[in-house]
Amino acid sequence: MQINLNEINRLIVIGNGFDLQCGLKSQYKDFFNDIFKIEDIKKKQSLDQMKKI
């Protein structure tokens, strides 16, 4: 099953601390850091495509 990231529009947050206790990077700051990394990658890909023209 393939998920189109452009169609995701909900974020469900359930927390009891178990994820953090297990060492998972699931805090808000981790989520936003990942989002910004994705945006940076998209910008770099776009710039690379423009350089090829």
PDB file of N, CA and C in Angstrom:
ATOM      1  N   MET A   1       0.835  -1.181   0.000  1.00  0.00           N
ATOM      2  CA  MET A   1       0.000   0.000   0.000  1.00  0.00           C
ATOM      3  C   MET A   1       0.878   1.242   0.000  1.00  0.00           C
ATOM      4  N   GLN A   2       0.604   2.135  -0.919  1.00  0.00           N
ATOM      5  CA  GLN A   2       1.396   3.347  -1.038  1.00  0.00           C
ATOM      6  C   GLN A   2       0.602   4.530  -0.494  1.00  0.00           C
ATOM      7  N   ILE A   3       1.257   5.373   0.294  1.00  0.00           N
ATOM      8  CA  ILE A   3       0.596   6.530   0.896  1.00  0.00           C
ATOM      9  C   ILE A   3       1.096   7.783   0.205  1.00  0.00           C
ATOM     10  N   ASN A   4       0.188   8.593  -0.265  1.00  0.00           N
ATOM     11  CA  ASN A   4       0.536   9.873  -0.863  1.00  0.00           C
ATOM     12  C   ASN A   4       0.616  10.899   0.268  1.00  0.00           C
ATOM     13  N   LEU A   5       1.811  11.435   0.512  1.00  0.00           N
ATOM     14  CA  LEU A   5       2.006  12.357   1.630  1.00  0.00           C
ATOM     15  C   LEU A   5       1.208  13.642   1.465  1.00  0.00           C
ATOM     16  N   ASN A   6       0.842  13.996   0.225  1.00  0.00           N
ATOM     17  CA  ASN A   6       0.060  15.207   0.008  1.00  0.00           C
ATOM     18  C   ASN A   6      -1.380  15.037   0.473  1.00  0.00           C
ATOM     19  N   GLU A   7      -1.837  13.815   0.667  1.00  0.00           N
ATOM     20  CA  GLU A   7      -3.210  13.573   1.066  1.00  0.00           C
ATOM     21  C   GLU A   7      -3.385  13.429   2.575  1.00  0.00           C
ATOM     22  N   ILE A   8      -2.296  13.400   3.318  1.00  0.00           N
ATOM     23  CA  ILE A   8      -2.390  13.272   4.770  1.00  0.00           C
ATOM     24  C   ILE A   8      -2.750  14.626   5.353  1.00  0.00           C
ATOM     25  N   ASN A   9      -3.827  14.672   6.143  1.00  0.00           N
ATOM     26  CA  ASN A   9      -4.246  15.951   6.690  1.00  0.00           C
ATOM     27  C   ASN A   9      -4.627  15.885   8.159  1.00  0.00           C
ATOM     28  N   ARG A  10      -4.287  14.809   8.832  1.00  0.00           N
ATOM     29  CA  ARG A  10      -4.616  14.690  10.258  1.00  0.00           C
ATOM     30  C   ARG A  10      -3.406  14.196  11.037  1.00  0.00           C
ATOM     31  N   LEU A  11      -3.294  14.727  12.221  1.00  0.00           N
ATOM     32  CA  LEU A  11      -2.251  14.284  13.138  1.00  0.00           C
ATOM     33  C   LEU A  11      -2.934  13.928  14.441  1.00  0.00           C
ATOM     34  N   ILE A  12      -2.789  12.689  14.845  1.00  0.00           N
ATOM     35  CA  ILE A  12      -3.376  12.239  16.099  1.00  0.00           C
ATOM     36  C   ILE A  12      -2.238  12.046  17.089  1.00  0.00           C
ATOM     37  N   VAL A  13      -2.329  12.729  18.211  1.00  0.00           N
ATOM     38  CA  VAL A  13      -1.282  12.660  19.220  1.00  0.00           C
ATOM     39  C   VAL A  13      -1.839  11.943  20.445  1.00  0.00           C
ATOM     40  N   ILE A  14      -1.238  10.818  20.765  1.00  0.00           N
ATOM     41  CA  ILE A  14      -1.609  10.066  21.957  1.00  0.00           C
ATOM     42  C   ILE A  14      -0.334   9.877  22.754  1.00  0.00           C
ATOM     43  N   GLY A  15      -0.324  10.290  23.969  1.00  0.00           N
ATOM     44  CA  GLY A  15       0.918  10.191  24.715  1.00  0.00           C
ATOM     45  C   GLY A  15       0.718   9.691  26.131  1.00  0.00           C
ATOM     46  N   ASN A  16       1.561   8.770  26.502  1.00  0.00           N
ATOM     47  CA  ASN A  16       1.590   8.324  27.883  1.00  0.00           C
ATOM     48  C   ASN A  16       3.036   8.218  28.374  1.00  0.00           C
ATOM     49  N   GLY A  17       3.981   8.662  27.549  1.00  0.00           N
ATOM     50  CA  GLY A  17       5.385   8.647  27.927  1.00  0.00           C
ATOM     51  C   GLY A  17       6.112   7.358  27.590  1.00  0.00           C
ATOM     52  N   PHE A  18       5.370   6.338  27.185  1.00  0.00           N
ATOM     53  CA  PHE A  18       6.002   5.050  26.879  1.00  0.00           C
ATOM     54  C   PHE A  18       6.969   5.181  25.719  1.00  0.00           C
ATOM     55  N   ASP A  19       6.582   5.924  24.697  1.00  0.00           N
ATOM     56  CA  ASP A  19       7.437   6.106  23.531  1.00  0.00           C
ATOM     57  C   ASP A  19       8.749   6.784  23.906  1.00  0.00           C
ATOM     58  N   LEU A  20       8.675   7.799  24.744  1.00  0.00           N
ATOM     59  CA  LEU A  20       9.887   8.499  25.176  1.00  0.00           C
ATOM     60  C   LEU A  20      10.758   7.605  26.050  1.00  0.00           C
ATOM     61  N   GLN A  21      10.136   6.826  26.885  1.00  0.00           N
ATOM     62  CA  GLN A  21      10.879   5.902  27.747  1.00  0.00           C
ATOM     63  C   GLN A  21      11.642   4.870  26.916  1.00  0.00           C
ATOM     64  N   CYS A  22      11.092   4.532  25.767  1.00  0.00           N
ATOM     65  CA  CYS A  22      11.736   3.565  24.873  1.00  0.00           C
ATOM     66  C   CYS A  22      12.787   4.214  23.976  1.00  0.00           C
ATOM     67  N   GLY A  23      12.957   5.528  24.110  1.00  0.00           N
ATOM     68  CA  GLY A  23      13.984   6.218  23.341  1.00  0.00           C
ATOM     69  C   GLY A  23      13.547   6.645  21.946  1.00  0.00           C
ATOM     70  N   LEU A  24      12.249   6.605  21.673  1.00  0.00           N
ATOM     71  CA  LEU A  24      11.761   7.020  20.361  1.00  0.00           C
ATOM     72  C   LEU A  24      11.780   8.538  20.258  1.00  0.00           C
ATOM     73  N   LYS A  25      12.120   9.030  19.097  1.00  0.00           N
ATOM     74  CA  LYS A  25      12.122  10.468  18.856  1.00  0.00           C
ATOM     75  C   LYS A  25      10.719  10.879  18.445  1.00  0.00           C
ATOM     76  N   SER A  26       9.860  11.092  19.426  1.00  0.00           N
ATOM     77  CA  SER A  26       8.455  11.364  19.140  1.00  0.00           C
ATOM     78  C   SER A  26       7.944  12.624  19.837  1.00  0.00           C
ATOM     79  N   GLN A  27       8.860  13.486  20.238  1.00  0.00           N
ATOM     80  CA  GLN A  27       8.423  14.746  20.829  1.00  0.00           C
ATOM     81  C   GLN A  27       8.047  15.715  19.716  1.00  0.00           C
ATOM     82  N   TYR A  28       7.336  16.780  20.068  1.00  0.00           N
ATOM     83  CA  TYR A  28       6.950  17.781  19.081  1.00  0.00           C
ATOM     84  C   TYR A  28       8.164  18.303  18.329  1.00  0.00           C
ATOM     85  N   LYS A  29       9.243  18.572  19.058  1.00  0.00           N
ATOM     86  CA  LYS A  29      10.436  19.128  18.407  1.00  0.00           C
ATOM     87  C   LYS A  29      10.989  18.154  17.371  1.00  0.00           C
ATOM     88  N   ASP A  30      10.919  16.854  17.639  1.00  0.00           N
ATOM     89  CA  ASP A  30      11.394  15.863  16.678  1.00  0.00           C
ATOM     90  C   ASP A  30      10.522  15.856  15.425  1.00  0.00           C
ATOM     91  N   PHE A  31       9.215  15.970  15.619  1.00  0.00           N
ATOM     92  CA  PHE A  31       8.283  16.014  14.498  1.00  0.00           C
ATOM     93  C   PHE A  31       8.578  17.222  13.613  1.00  0.00           C
ATOM     94  N   PHE A  32       8.695  18.396  14.220  1.00  0.00           N
ATOM     95  CA  PHE A  32       8.930  19.600  13.433  1.00  0.00           C
ATOM     96  C   PHE A  32      10.311  19.595  12.790  1.00  0.00           C
ATOM     97  N   ASN A  33      11.307  19.052  13.471  1.00  0.00           N
ATOM     98  CA  ASN A  33      12.635  18.931  12.854  1.00  0.00           C
ATOM     99  C   ASN A  33      12.563  18.066  11.604  1.00  0.00           C
ATOM    100  N   ASP A  34      11.824  16.971  11.666  1.00  0.00           N
ATOM    101  CA  ASP A  34      11.669  16.105  10.497  1.00  0.00           C
ATOM    102  C   ASP A  34      10.943  16.827   9.371  1.00  0.00           C
ATOM    103  N   ILE A  35       9.916  17.579   9.693  1.00  0.00           N
ATOM    104  CA  ILE A  35       9.175  18.332   8.679  1.00  0.00           C
ATOM    105  C   ILE A  35      10.100  19.331   7.993  1.00  0.00           C
ATOM    106  N   PHE A  36      10.902  20.049   8.775  1.00  0.00           N
ATOM    107  CA  PHE A  36      11.809  21.031   8.181  1.00  0.00           C
ATOM    108  C   PHE A  36      12.869  20.351   7.328  1.00  0.00           C
ATOM    109  N   LYS A  37      13.327  19.178   7.724  1.00  0.00           N
ATOM    110  CA  LYS A  37      14.291  18.429   6.912  1.00  0.00           C
ATOM    111  C   LYS A  37      13.680  18.050   5.575  1.00  0.00           C
ATOM    112  N   ILE A  38      12.422  17.622   5.583  1.00  0.00           N
ATOM    113  CA  ILE A  38      11.734  17.254   4.346  1.00  0.00           C
ATOM    114  C   ILE A  38      11.616  18.474   3.439  1.00  0.00           C
ATOM    115  N   GLU A  39      11.258  19.619   4.007  1.00  0.00           N
ATOM    116  CA  GLU A  39      11.134  20.844   3.211  1.00  0.00           C
ATOM    117  C   GLU A  39      12.483  21.247   2.628  1.00  0.00           C
ATOM    118  N   ASP A  40      13.557  21.110   3.405  1.00  0.00           N
ATOM    119  CA  ASP A  40      14.897  21.428   2.906  1.00  0.00           C
ATOM    120  C   ASP A  40      15.272  20.511   1.746  1.00  0.00           C
ATOM    121  N   ILE A  41      14.955  19.232   1.862  1.00  0.00           N
ATOM    122  CA  ILE A  41      15.247  18.276   0.798  1.00  0.00           C
ATOM    123  C   ILE A  41      14.484  18.649  -0.470  1.00  0.00           C
ATOM    124  N   LYS A  42      13.202  19.014  -0.327  1.00  0.00           N
ATOM    125  CA  LYS A  42      12.401  19.413  -1.483  1.00  0.00           C
ATOM    126  C   LYS A  42      12.992  20.646  -2.155  1.00  0.00           C
ATOM    127  N   LYS A  43      13.435  21.628  -1.363  1.00  0.00           N
ATOM    128  CA  LYS A  43      14.027  22.840  -1.927  1.00  0.00           C
ATOM    129  C   LYS A  43      15.315  22.519  -2.672  1.00  0.00           C
ATOM    130  N   LYS A  44      16.146  21.648  -2.085  1.00  0.00           N
ATOM    131  CA  LYS A  44      17.404  21.280  -2.733  1.00  0.00           C
ATOM    132  C   LYS A  44      17.150  20.534  -4.030  1.00  0.00           C
ATOM    133  N   GLN A  45      16.165  19.650  -4.047  1.00  0.00           N
ATOM    134  CA  GLN A  45      15.829  18.922  -5.261  1.00  0.00           C
ATOM    135  C   GLN A  45      15.344  19.887  -6.331  1.00  0.00           C
ATOM    136  N   SER A  46      14.548  20.855  -5.929  1.00  0.00           N
ATOM    137  CA  SER A  46      14.037  21.845  -6.870  1.00  0.00           C
ATOM    138  C   SER A  46      15.184  22.665  -7.455  1.00  0.00           C
ATOM    139  N   LEU A  47      16.127  23.072  -6.616  1.00  0.00           N
ATOM    140  CA  LEU A  47      17.286  23.830  -7.098  1.00  0.00           C
ATOM    141  C   LEU A  47      18.144  22.993  -8.035  1.00  0.00           C
ATOM    142  N   ASP A  48      18.323  21.725  -7.705  1.00  0.00           N
ATOM    143  CA  ASP A  48      19.100  20.833  -8.562  1.00  0.00           C
ATOM    144  C   ASP A  48      18.445  20.680  -9.930  1.00  0.00           C
ATOM    145  N   GLN A  49      17.127  20.593  -9.949  1.00  0.00           N
ATOM    146  CA  GLN A  49      16.422  20.486 -11.221  1.00  0.00           C
ATOM    147  C   GLN A  49      16.553  21.757 -12.032  1.00  0.00           C
ATOM    148  N   MET A  50      16.546  22.901 -11.369  1.00  0.00           N
ATOM    149  CA  MET A  50      16.689  24.169 -12.076  1.00  0.00           C
ATOM    150  C   MET A  50      18.093  24.302 -12.656  1.00  0.00           C
ATOM    151  N   LYS A  51      19.105  23.774 -11.981  1.00  0.00           N
ATOM    152  CA  LYS A  51      20.476  23.854 -12.464  1.00  0.00           C
ATOM    153  C   LYS A  51      20.662  23.024 -13.730  1.00  0.00           C
ATOM    154  N   LYS A  52      19.860  21.960 -13.884  1.00  0.00           N
ATOM    155  CA  LYS A  52      19.975  21.086 -15.051  1.00  0.00           C
ATOM    156  C   LYS A  52      19.410  21.715 -16.306  1.00  0.00           C
ATOM    157  N   ILE A  53      18.594  22.734 -16.132  1.00  0.00           N
ATOM    158  CA  ILE A  53      17.949  23.367 -17.291  1.00  0.00           C
ATOM    159  C   ILE A  53      18.908  24.252 -18.031  1.00  0.00           C
TER     160      ILE A  53
END
